[in-house]
N, C-alpha and C. Protein backbone atom coordinates (compact mmCIF):
# COMPACT_ATOMS: atom_id res chain seq x y z
N MET A 1 9.08 -16.74 95.36
CA MET A 1 8.97 -17.10 96.56
C MET A 1 9.26 -18.24 96.99
N THR A 2 9.54 -18.23 98.21
CA THR A 2 10.11 -19.29 98.99
C THR A 2 9.29 -20.60 99.06
N ASP A 3 10.02 -21.79 98.87
CA ASP A 3 8.87 -23.14 98.75
C ASP A 3 9.02 -23.65 99.65
N HIS A 4 8.51 -23.58 100.73
CA HIS A 4 8.12 -24.30 102.18
C HIS A 4 6.87 -25.27 102.26
N ALA A 5 7.33 -26.74 102.50
CA ALA A 5 6.06 -27.23 102.49
C ALA A 5 5.69 -27.21 104.14
N ILE A 6 4.24 -27.65 104.42
CA ILE A 6 3.85 -27.44 105.57
C ILE A 6 4.54 -28.11 106.98
N THR A 7 5.34 -29.17 106.91
CA THR A 7 6.27 -29.80 107.79
C THR A 7 7.08 -28.56 107.94
N ASP A 8 7.32 -27.66 107.14
CA ASP A 8 8.45 -26.75 107.76
C ASP A 8 7.60 -25.08 108.12
N LEU A 9 6.76 -25.60 108.29
CA LEU A 9 5.63 -24.17 109.33
C LEU A 9 6.13 -24.59 110.66
N PRO A 10 5.97 -24.21 111.84
CA PRO A 10 6.26 -23.83 113.05
C PRO A 10 4.96 -24.29 113.15
N ALA A 11 5.26 -25.33 114.38
CA ALA A 11 3.86 -26.05 115.01
C ALA A 11 2.96 -24.93 115.92
N PHE A 12 2.16 -24.91 116.22
CA PHE A 12 1.46 -23.83 116.81
C PHE A 12 -0.12 -24.94 117.84
N PRO A 13 0.30 -25.25 118.82
CA PRO A 13 -0.29 -26.01 119.51
C PRO A 13 -1.73 -25.75 119.69
N TYR A 14 -2.24 -24.59 119.59
CA TYR A 14 -3.42 -24.18 119.84
C TYR A 14 -4.02 -23.75 118.15
N HIS A 15 -3.22 -24.02 117.50
CA HIS A 15 -4.23 -23.81 115.99
C HIS A 15 -3.27 -24.72 114.93
N PRO A 16 -3.48 -25.90 115.23
CA PRO A 16 -3.24 -27.18 114.26
C PRO A 16 -2.76 -26.58 112.85
N ASP A 17 -3.80 -26.14 112.02
CA ASP A 17 -3.52 -26.04 110.95
C ASP A 17 -4.11 -24.59 110.00
N PRO A 18 -3.13 -23.34 110.38
CA PRO A 18 -3.35 -22.27 110.29
C PRO A 18 -3.41 -22.07 108.57
N LEU A 19 -2.80 -23.01 107.80
CA LEU A 19 -3.26 -22.90 106.42
C LEU A 19 -4.45 -23.32 105.95
N ALA A 20 -5.11 -24.21 106.50
CA ALA A 20 -6.38 -24.33 106.21
C ALA A 20 -7.80 -23.44 106.63
N THR A 21 -7.46 -23.11 107.92
CA THR A 21 -7.80 -22.31 108.00
C THR A 21 -7.90 -20.46 107.27
N GLY A 22 -7.13 -20.13 106.69
CA GLY A 22 -6.88 -19.03 105.88
C GLY A 22 -6.01 -18.21 107.21
N SER A 23 -5.32 -18.63 108.06
CA SER A 23 -4.96 -17.72 108.61
C SER A 23 -2.96 -17.23 108.41
N LEU A 24 -2.93 -18.34 107.35
CA LEU A 24 -1.20 -18.15 106.97
C LEU A 24 -1.79 -18.47 105.22
N ILE A 25 -1.39 -17.56 104.70
CA ILE A 25 -1.07 -17.88 102.92
C ILE A 25 0.02 -17.86 102.21
N PRO A 26 0.42 -18.52 101.18
CA PRO A 26 1.80 -18.47 101.14
C PRO A 26 2.04 -16.78 100.26
N SER A 27 3.09 -16.52 100.45
CA SER A 27 3.35 -14.86 100.16
C SER A 27 4.81 -15.00 99.92
N ASP A 28 5.19 -13.85 98.92
CA ASP A 28 6.91 -13.66 98.95
C ASP A 28 7.02 -12.36 99.91
N THR A 29 5.85 -11.69 100.24
CA THR A 29 6.41 -10.56 101.34
C THR A 29 7.29 -10.65 102.47
N GLU A 30 7.92 -9.52 102.52
CA GLU A 30 9.18 -9.67 103.62
C GLU A 30 8.18 -9.67 104.99
N CYS A 31 9.11 -10.13 106.14
CA CYS A 31 7.92 -10.20 107.15
C CYS A 31 8.71 -8.83 107.79
N LEU A 32 7.97 -8.12 108.17
CA LEU A 32 8.12 -6.84 108.90
C LEU A 32 9.37 -6.74 110.26
N SER A 33 9.01 -8.23 110.75
CA SER A 33 9.48 -8.40 112.00
C SER A 33 11.05 -8.47 112.04
N CYS A 34 11.20 -9.65 111.20
CA CYS A 34 12.67 -10.08 110.73
C CYS A 34 13.13 -9.56 109.45
N GLY A 35 12.39 -9.45 108.74
CA GLY A 35 12.72 -8.81 107.09
C GLY A 35 13.53 -9.88 106.70
N HIS A 36 13.12 -11.18 106.66
CA HIS A 36 13.03 -12.58 105.54
C HIS A 36 11.47 -12.44 104.80
N ARG A 37 11.71 -13.09 104.02
CA ARG A 37 10.74 -13.59 103.05
C ARG A 37 10.65 -15.49 103.45
N ARG A 38 9.85 -15.67 104.47
CA ARG A 38 9.71 -17.23 104.31
C ARG A 38 8.61 -17.73 103.69
N GLY A 39 7.67 -17.12 102.65
CA GLY A 39 7.54 -18.00 101.80
C GLY A 39 5.98 -18.01 102.24
N TYR A 40 5.78 -17.75 103.77
CA TYR A 40 4.44 -17.20 104.56
C TYR A 40 3.98 -16.14 104.68
N VAL A 41 2.61 -15.54 105.16
CA VAL A 41 1.99 -14.42 105.96
C VAL A 41 0.85 -14.94 106.65
N TYR A 42 0.89 -13.96 107.84
CA TYR A 42 -0.49 -13.84 108.62
C TYR A 42 -1.21 -12.96 108.40
N THR A 43 -2.56 -13.58 107.84
CA THR A 43 -3.71 -12.73 107.78
C THR A 43 -4.56 -12.30 108.42
N GLY A 44 -4.55 -12.74 109.34
CA GLY A 44 -5.34 -12.59 110.53
C GLY A 44 -5.03 -11.30 111.28
N PRO A 45 -5.93 -10.69 112.25
CA PRO A 45 -6.19 -9.42 112.83
C PRO A 45 -4.60 -9.49 113.92
N VAL A 46 -4.23 -8.21 114.08
CA VAL A 46 -3.11 -7.59 114.85
C VAL A 46 -3.82 -6.25 115.93
N TYR A 47 -3.46 -6.73 116.77
CA TYR A 47 -3.84 -5.51 117.90
C TYR A 47 -2.77 -4.91 118.26
N ALA A 48 -2.22 -3.95 117.62
CA ALA A 48 -0.98 -3.15 118.38
C ALA A 48 -1.46 -1.72 117.77
N VAL A 49 0.23 -1.13 118.17
CA VAL A 49 0.13 0.14 118.24
C VAL A 49 0.29 0.97 116.52
N ALA A 50 1.11 -0.11 115.99
CA ALA A 50 1.43 -0.16 114.67
C ALA A 50 0.64 -0.66 113.48
N ASP A 51 0.46 -0.51 112.38
CA ASP A 51 -0.70 -0.95 111.63
C ASP A 51 0.37 -2.36 110.67
N ILE A 52 -0.66 -3.20 110.91
CA ILE A 52 0.06 -4.05 110.69
C ILE A 52 -1.11 -5.33 109.70
N ASP A 53 -0.45 -5.23 108.00
CA ASP A 53 -1.49 -6.21 107.56
C ASP A 53 -0.80 -7.06 106.78
N ASP A 54 -0.77 -7.89 106.71
CA ASP A 54 -0.24 -9.47 106.35
C ASP A 54 1.24 -9.36 106.06
N GLU A 55 1.87 -8.88 106.96
CA GLU A 55 3.18 -8.75 107.40
C GLU A 55 3.92 -9.42 107.95
N LEU A 56 3.73 -10.22 108.89
CA LEU A 56 4.55 -10.90 109.77
C LEU A 56 4.40 -12.96 109.11
N CYS A 57 5.62 -13.43 109.41
CA CYS A 57 5.91 -14.67 108.86
C CYS A 57 5.41 -15.58 110.24
N PRO A 58 4.91 -16.44 110.11
CA PRO A 58 4.38 -17.44 111.11
C PRO A 58 5.72 -17.69 112.27
N TRP A 59 7.04 -17.49 111.87
CA TRP A 59 8.28 -18.14 112.64
C TRP A 59 8.16 -16.79 114.12
N CYS A 60 7.81 -15.65 113.29
CA CYS A 60 7.94 -14.72 113.96
C CYS A 60 6.42 -14.35 114.94
N ILE A 61 5.67 -15.16 114.81
CA ILE A 61 4.65 -14.89 115.44
C ILE A 61 4.89 -16.37 116.79
N ALA A 62 5.62 -17.55 115.81
CA ALA A 62 5.38 -18.73 117.05
C ALA A 62 6.93 -18.58 117.93
N ASP A 63 7.74 -17.64 117.58
CA ASP A 63 8.41 -17.41 119.21
C ASP A 63 8.32 -16.23 119.45
N GLY A 64 7.22 -15.24 119.56
CA GLY A 64 6.62 -14.12 120.26
C GLY A 64 7.57 -13.24 119.59
N SER A 65 8.73 -13.16 118.88
CA SER A 65 9.25 -11.39 118.38
C SER A 65 8.37 -10.76 118.12
N ALA A 66 7.51 -11.12 117.12
CA ALA A 66 6.23 -10.30 116.69
C ALA A 66 5.75 -9.61 117.65
N ALA A 67 4.80 -9.94 118.45
CA ALA A 67 4.35 -9.66 119.58
C ALA A 67 5.36 -8.75 120.59
N GLU A 68 6.45 -9.29 120.79
CA GLU A 68 7.33 -8.60 121.87
C GLU A 68 7.36 -6.95 120.92
N ARG A 69 7.84 -7.18 119.93
CA ARG A 69 8.55 -5.87 118.81
C ARG A 69 7.77 -4.91 118.86
N PHE A 70 6.26 -5.39 118.80
CA PHE A 70 5.00 -4.56 118.01
C PHE A 70 3.99 -4.66 119.13
N GLU A 71 4.15 -5.03 120.14
CA GLU A 71 3.43 -4.95 121.69
C GLU A 71 2.27 -5.34 120.94
N ALA A 72 2.23 -6.81 120.96
CA ALA A 72 0.57 -6.85 119.63
C ALA A 72 -0.04 -8.47 119.98
N VAL A 73 -0.90 -8.09 119.88
CA VAL A 73 -1.46 -9.80 120.19
C VAL A 73 -2.67 -9.83 119.21
N PHE A 74 -3.07 -11.31 118.85
CA PHE A 74 -3.44 -11.36 117.94
C PHE A 74 -4.62 -12.65 117.99
N THR A 75 -5.53 -12.32 119.33
CA THR A 75 -6.72 -12.57 119.57
C THR A 75 -6.96 -12.72 121.04
N GLU A 76 -8.40 -12.54 121.45
CA GLU A 76 -8.31 -12.94 123.06
C GLU A 76 -8.77 -13.92 123.92
N VAL A 77 -8.31 -14.37 124.49
CA VAL A 77 -8.83 -15.51 125.32
C VAL A 77 -9.95 -15.71 126.26
N GLU A 78 -10.98 -16.04 125.89
CA GLU A 78 -12.04 -16.34 126.80
C GLU A 78 -12.17 -17.48 127.89
N GLY A 79 -12.16 -16.81 129.05
CA GLY A 79 -12.43 -18.00 129.97
C GLY A 79 -11.33 -17.79 130.89
N GLN A 80 -11.40 -18.55 131.97
CA GLN A 80 -9.91 -18.92 133.11
C GLN A 80 -8.97 -19.98 132.86
N VAL A 81 -7.76 -19.24 132.28
CA VAL A 81 -6.84 -20.62 132.02
C VAL A 81 -5.51 -20.01 132.35
N PRO A 82 -4.72 -20.30 132.85
CA PRO A 82 -3.36 -20.07 133.32
C PRO A 82 -2.78 -18.99 132.31
N MET A 83 -1.91 -17.75 132.91
CA MET A 83 -1.26 -16.74 132.28
C MET A 83 -0.46 -17.28 131.17
N ASP A 84 0.31 -18.44 131.25
CA ASP A 84 1.00 -18.84 130.32
C ASP A 84 0.44 -19.33 128.78
N VAL A 85 -0.62 -19.75 129.03
CA VAL A 85 -1.84 -20.10 128.28
C VAL A 85 -2.15 -18.93 127.44
N VAL A 86 -2.66 -17.97 128.00
CA VAL A 86 -2.95 -16.62 127.55
C VAL A 86 -2.17 -15.94 126.59
N ARG A 87 -0.99 -15.99 127.06
CA ARG A 87 0.32 -15.21 126.68
C ARG A 87 0.60 -16.46 125.02
N ALA A 88 0.41 -17.46 125.06
CA ALA A 88 0.61 -18.54 124.31
C ALA A 88 -0.59 -18.22 123.13
N VAL A 89 -1.79 -18.19 123.66
CA VAL A 89 -2.52 -17.76 122.63
C VAL A 89 -2.61 -16.50 121.82
N GLU A 90 -2.11 -15.65 122.67
CA GLU A 90 -2.35 -14.24 122.64
C GLU A 90 -1.36 -13.70 121.70
N GLN A 91 -0.03 -13.93 122.23
CA GLN A 91 1.41 -13.70 121.40
C GLN A 91 1.74 -14.61 120.65
N ARG A 92 1.58 -15.94 120.40
CA ARG A 92 2.58 -16.90 119.82
C ARG A 92 1.83 -17.91 118.96
N THR A 93 0.52 -17.58 118.63
CA THR A 93 -0.33 -18.28 118.01
C THR A 93 -1.30 -17.32 116.97
N PRO A 94 -1.03 -17.83 115.66
CA PRO A 94 -1.87 -17.10 114.87
C PRO A 94 -3.29 -17.03 115.03
N GLY A 95 -4.16 -15.68 114.89
CA GLY A 95 -5.46 -15.61 115.52
C GLY A 95 -6.29 -15.85 114.24
N PHE A 96 -7.56 -15.84 113.94
CA PHE A 96 -8.24 -15.92 113.09
C PHE A 96 -9.53 -14.72 112.79
N ALA A 97 -9.73 -14.09 111.70
CA ALA A 97 -10.38 -13.33 110.97
C ALA A 97 -11.83 -13.47 111.55
N GLY A 98 -12.90 -12.20 112.36
CA GLY A 98 -14.09 -12.91 112.54
C GLY A 98 -14.80 -11.69 112.05
N TRP A 99 -16.22 -11.90 111.86
CA TRP A 99 -16.98 -10.33 111.92
C TRP A 99 -17.31 -9.44 112.75
N GLN A 100 -16.78 -10.01 114.04
CA GLN A 100 -16.58 -9.11 115.28
C GLN A 100 -15.54 -9.13 115.85
N GLN A 101 -15.25 -8.86 117.20
CA GLN A 101 -14.20 -9.24 118.37
C GLN A 101 -13.90 -10.66 118.08
N GLU A 102 -12.48 -11.22 117.75
CA GLU A 102 -12.67 -12.84 117.91
C GLU A 102 -12.22 -12.85 119.05
N ARG A 103 -12.70 -14.22 119.46
CA ARG A 103 -12.06 -14.68 120.97
C ARG A 103 -12.05 -16.09 120.67
N TRP A 104 -10.67 -16.67 121.95
CA TRP A 104 -10.35 -17.84 121.96
C TRP A 104 -11.32 -18.75 122.77
N LEU A 105 -11.82 -19.57 122.28
CA LEU A 105 -12.95 -20.46 123.29
C LEU A 105 -11.36 -21.38 124.24
N THR A 106 -11.96 -21.59 125.71
CA THR A 106 -11.30 -22.13 126.53
C THR A 106 -12.36 -23.55 126.71
N HIS A 107 -11.41 -24.65 127.42
CA HIS A 107 -12.09 -25.70 128.27
C HIS A 107 -11.18 -26.73 128.91
N CYS A 108 -11.64 -27.21 130.17
CA CYS A 108 -10.84 -28.03 130.73
C CYS A 108 -9.63 -27.51 131.04
N GLY A 109 -9.90 -25.92 131.74
CA GLY A 109 -8.68 -25.34 132.12
C GLY A 109 -7.28 -24.79 131.40
N ASP A 110 -7.41 -24.92 129.73
CA ASP A 110 -6.58 -24.89 128.90
C ASP A 110 -7.35 -23.91 127.89
N ALA A 111 -6.66 -23.63 126.81
CA ALA A 111 -7.26 -23.02 125.47
C ALA A 111 -7.70 -24.23 124.60
N ALA A 112 -8.60 -24.15 123.77
CA ALA A 112 -9.04 -25.25 122.42
C ALA A 112 -8.38 -24.93 121.38
N LEU A 113 -8.24 -26.06 120.68
CA LEU A 113 -7.69 -26.08 119.55
C LEU A 113 -8.89 -25.12 118.44
N PHE A 114 -8.16 -24.46 117.96
CA PHE A 114 -8.99 -23.60 116.76
C PHE A 114 -9.10 -24.08 115.43
N LEU A 115 -10.17 -25.30 115.17
CA LEU A 115 -9.94 -26.21 113.93
C LEU A 115 -10.64 -25.07 112.48
N GLY A 116 -11.44 -23.86 112.86
CA GLY A 116 -11.74 -23.01 111.69
C GLY A 116 -13.19 -22.27 111.54
N ARG A 117 -13.65 -22.25 110.71
CA ARG A 117 -14.75 -21.38 109.96
C ARG A 117 -16.08 -22.90 110.01
N ALA A 118 -17.22 -22.29 110.41
CA ALA A 118 -17.80 -23.50 110.12
C ALA A 118 -19.48 -22.74 109.84
N GLY A 119 -19.91 -23.65 109.00
CA GLY A 119 -21.29 -23.19 108.87
C GLY A 119 -22.12 -24.29 109.29
N ALA A 120 -23.54 -24.55 108.98
CA ALA A 120 -24.54 -25.41 109.30
C ALA A 120 -23.95 -27.02 108.98
N PRO A 121 -23.51 -27.04 107.75
CA PRO A 121 -22.96 -28.44 106.94
C PRO A 121 -21.63 -29.17 107.51
N GLU A 122 -20.86 -28.14 108.10
CA GLU A 122 -19.45 -28.37 109.01
C GLU A 122 -19.61 -28.92 110.18
N LEU A 123 -20.93 -28.28 110.91
CA LEU A 123 -21.10 -28.30 112.15
C LEU A 123 -21.93 -29.92 112.45
N GLU A 124 -22.55 -30.16 111.36
CA GLU A 124 -23.47 -31.42 111.41
C GLU A 124 -22.41 -32.90 112.42
N PRO A 125 -21.46 -32.81 111.80
CA PRO A 125 -20.82 -33.87 113.11
C PRO A 125 -20.70 -33.76 114.13
N TYR A 126 -20.62 -32.45 114.41
CA TYR A 126 -20.52 -31.95 115.88
C TYR A 126 -21.63 -31.53 116.72
N PRO A 127 -22.19 -32.40 117.01
CA PRO A 127 -23.56 -32.23 117.71
C PRO A 127 -23.00 -31.34 119.22
N ASP A 128 -21.87 -31.91 119.96
CA ASP A 128 -21.39 -31.12 121.17
C ASP A 128 -21.20 -29.65 120.88
N ALA A 129 -21.05 -29.10 119.76
CA ALA A 129 -20.18 -27.66 118.87
C ALA A 129 -21.65 -26.95 118.93
N VAL A 130 -23.00 -28.00 118.08
CA VAL A 130 -23.99 -27.51 117.95
C VAL A 130 -24.46 -27.23 119.10
N GLU A 131 -24.27 -27.94 120.24
CA GLU A 131 -25.24 -27.29 121.73
C GLU A 131 -25.22 -26.43 122.39
N THR A 132 -23.27 -26.16 122.42
CA THR A 132 -22.55 -24.99 122.70
C THR A 132 -23.25 -23.88 122.36
N LEU A 133 -23.26 -23.68 121.25
CA LEU A 133 -23.95 -22.80 120.17
C LEU A 133 -25.56 -22.84 120.65
N ARG A 134 -25.88 -23.43 120.85
CA ARG A 134 -27.88 -23.15 121.39
C ARG A 134 -27.99 -22.64 122.68
N GLN A 135 -26.98 -23.13 123.36
CA GLN A 135 -27.20 -22.29 125.06
C GLN A 135 -26.31 -20.89 124.90
N ASN A 136 -25.52 -20.72 123.87
CA ASN A 136 -25.16 -19.40 124.12
C ASN A 136 -26.06 -18.37 123.05
N LEU A 137 -26.98 -18.90 122.38
CA LEU A 137 -28.13 -18.13 121.43
C LEU A 137 -29.39 -18.48 121.95
N GLY A 138 -29.32 -18.91 123.02
CA GLY A 138 -30.99 -19.22 123.60
C GLY A 138 -31.67 -17.56 123.14
N MET A 139 -31.13 -16.58 123.70
CA MET A 139 -31.63 -15.42 123.77
C MET A 139 -32.61 -15.08 123.00
N LEU A 140 -31.97 -15.72 121.66
CA LEU A 140 -32.15 -14.82 120.18
C LEU A 140 -33.32 -14.77 119.82
N GLY A 141 -34.27 -16.12 119.98
CA GLY A 141 -35.53 -16.13 119.48
C GLY A 141 -35.83 -17.27 118.68
N ASP A 142 -35.05 -16.96 117.25
CA ASP A 142 -35.09 -18.76 116.65
C ASP A 142 -34.07 -19.26 116.54
N THR A 143 -33.72 -20.05 117.55
CA THR A 143 -32.55 -20.37 117.68
C THR A 143 -32.01 -21.49 116.31
N GLU A 144 -33.04 -22.05 115.93
CA GLU A 144 -32.76 -23.41 115.28
C GLU A 144 -32.83 -22.84 113.74
N ALA A 145 -33.51 -22.04 113.30
CA ALA A 145 -33.34 -21.12 111.98
C ALA A 145 -32.11 -20.33 111.68
N PHE A 146 -31.63 -19.84 113.08
CA PHE A 146 -30.01 -19.02 113.13
C PHE A 146 -29.12 -20.25 112.72
N LEU A 147 -28.92 -21.47 113.55
CA LEU A 147 -28.27 -22.83 113.27
C LEU A 147 -27.94 -22.80 111.74
N ALA A 148 -29.49 -23.33 111.09
CA ALA A 148 -29.55 -23.53 109.96
C ALA A 148 -29.13 -22.45 108.89
N ALA A 149 -29.02 -20.77 109.84
CA ALA A 149 -28.75 -20.43 108.39
C ALA A 149 -26.91 -20.05 108.33
N LEU A 150 -26.22 -20.61 109.41
CA LEU A 150 -24.93 -20.37 109.99
C LEU A 150 -24.07 -20.85 108.07
N ASP A 151 -23.17 -20.12 107.84
CA ASP A 151 -22.71 -20.41 107.26
C ASP A 151 -20.71 -19.86 106.42
N ALA A 152 -20.08 -20.94 106.43
CA ALA A 152 -18.74 -21.05 106.64
C ALA A 152 -17.89 -19.92 106.11
N GLU A 153 -18.72 -19.47 104.57
CA GLU A 153 -18.02 -18.25 103.76
C GLU A 153 -18.73 -17.07 103.81
N GLY A 154 -20.00 -16.96 104.29
CA GLY A 154 -20.49 -16.00 104.83
C GLY A 154 -20.81 -15.33 106.13
N GLN A 155 -22.04 -15.10 106.64
CA GLN A 155 -22.50 -14.86 107.84
C GLN A 155 -24.02 -14.63 107.62
N PRO A 156 -24.43 -15.24 109.07
CA PRO A 156 -23.69 -15.67 110.07
C PRO A 156 -22.64 -17.10 109.79
N THR A 157 -21.41 -16.98 110.61
CA THR A 157 -20.75 -18.13 110.82
C THR A 157 -20.38 -18.23 112.11
N ALA A 158 -19.82 -19.63 112.34
CA ALA A 158 -19.46 -20.16 113.71
C ALA A 158 -18.17 -20.63 113.67
N TYR A 159 -17.55 -20.40 114.68
CA TYR A 159 -16.21 -20.78 114.95
C TYR A 159 -16.00 -21.75 115.72
N LEU A 160 -15.30 -22.87 115.06
CA LEU A 160 -15.11 -24.31 115.72
C LEU A 160 -13.79 -24.72 116.40
N PHE A 161 -14.18 -25.07 117.64
CA PHE A 161 -12.38 -25.62 118.39
C PHE A 161 -12.99 -26.73 119.02
N ARG A 162 -12.26 -27.56 119.83
CA ARG A 162 -12.14 -28.55 120.36
C ARG A 162 -11.00 -28.88 121.51
N CYS A 163 -11.51 -29.12 122.56
CA CYS A 163 -10.73 -29.16 123.74
C CYS A 163 -9.59 -30.27 123.93
N ARG A 164 -8.17 -29.89 124.16
CA ARG A 164 -7.14 -30.37 123.70
C ARG A 164 -6.44 -31.81 124.74
N HIS A 165 -8.15 -31.89 125.69
CA HIS A 165 -8.23 -32.14 127.01
C HIS A 165 -9.39 -33.49 126.60
N CYS A 166 -10.22 -33.29 126.55
CA CYS A 166 -11.36 -34.13 126.74
C CYS A 166 -11.69 -34.41 125.46
N GLU A 167 -11.40 -33.21 124.23
CA GLU A 167 -11.92 -33.68 122.99
C GLU A 167 -13.29 -33.03 122.59
N GLN A 168 -13.70 -32.35 123.62
CA GLN A 168 -15.37 -31.96 123.26
C GLN A 168 -15.10 -30.62 122.10
N HIS A 169 -16.30 -30.83 121.25
CA HIS A 169 -16.40 -29.39 120.55
C HIS A 169 -16.64 -28.54 120.81
N LEU A 170 -16.30 -27.19 120.54
CA LEU A 170 -16.83 -25.87 121.05
C LEU A 170 -17.14 -25.14 119.79
N ALA A 171 -18.14 -24.00 119.91
CA ALA A 171 -18.39 -23.43 118.73
C ALA A 171 -18.94 -21.66 119.55
N TYR A 172 -18.21 -20.59 118.49
CA TYR A 172 -19.42 -19.56 118.87
C TYR A 172 -19.90 -19.05 117.53
N ALA A 173 -20.89 -18.26 117.70
CA ALA A 173 -21.24 -17.78 116.41
C ALA A 173 -21.20 -16.16 116.18
N ASP A 174 -21.04 -15.48 115.16
CA ASP A 174 -21.28 -13.76 114.90
C ASP A 174 -21.64 -13.30 113.48
N PHE A 175 -21.92 -12.16 113.45
CA PHE A 175 -22.33 -11.87 112.07
C PHE A 175 -21.87 -10.27 112.52
N THR A 176 -22.18 -9.37 111.52
CA THR A 176 -22.32 -8.47 111.55
C THR A 176 -23.63 -7.36 111.84
């Protein structure tokens, strides 16, 4: 296996630590796009005509070549943002695995930073994120019980984001 330090990984402006979120893992798998063994592969969803599972290196995601070669997107942007931001997130940013259709949150006219999955304990320091969950879950019934049941490793789970401009934390939750 190739030994790369995290500083060797390409920078992803909207996904600052894809190793910590589990979207990238160490692997000696050959990249389906470039044919190189780079030491890491992407483990998140790939929406493409071809069936691609854990076979893309982060460099081919970062430069957009994997998206172009396979007509792929890695997540869906939710909200009104400029088309260059949509393309950067959908085609040049590692996505993340969710229980249902993943979506990338936006704020202040830009895509937010994805920080990872979060349960109730992980959300405790971010009351602004909890408030966005309350607003989105208002019609579920016992919202507080649902929030208390959030589990970073199970379900239901929340997906935590932070605005790149005002630093407000945002989140949404899902389950099967």
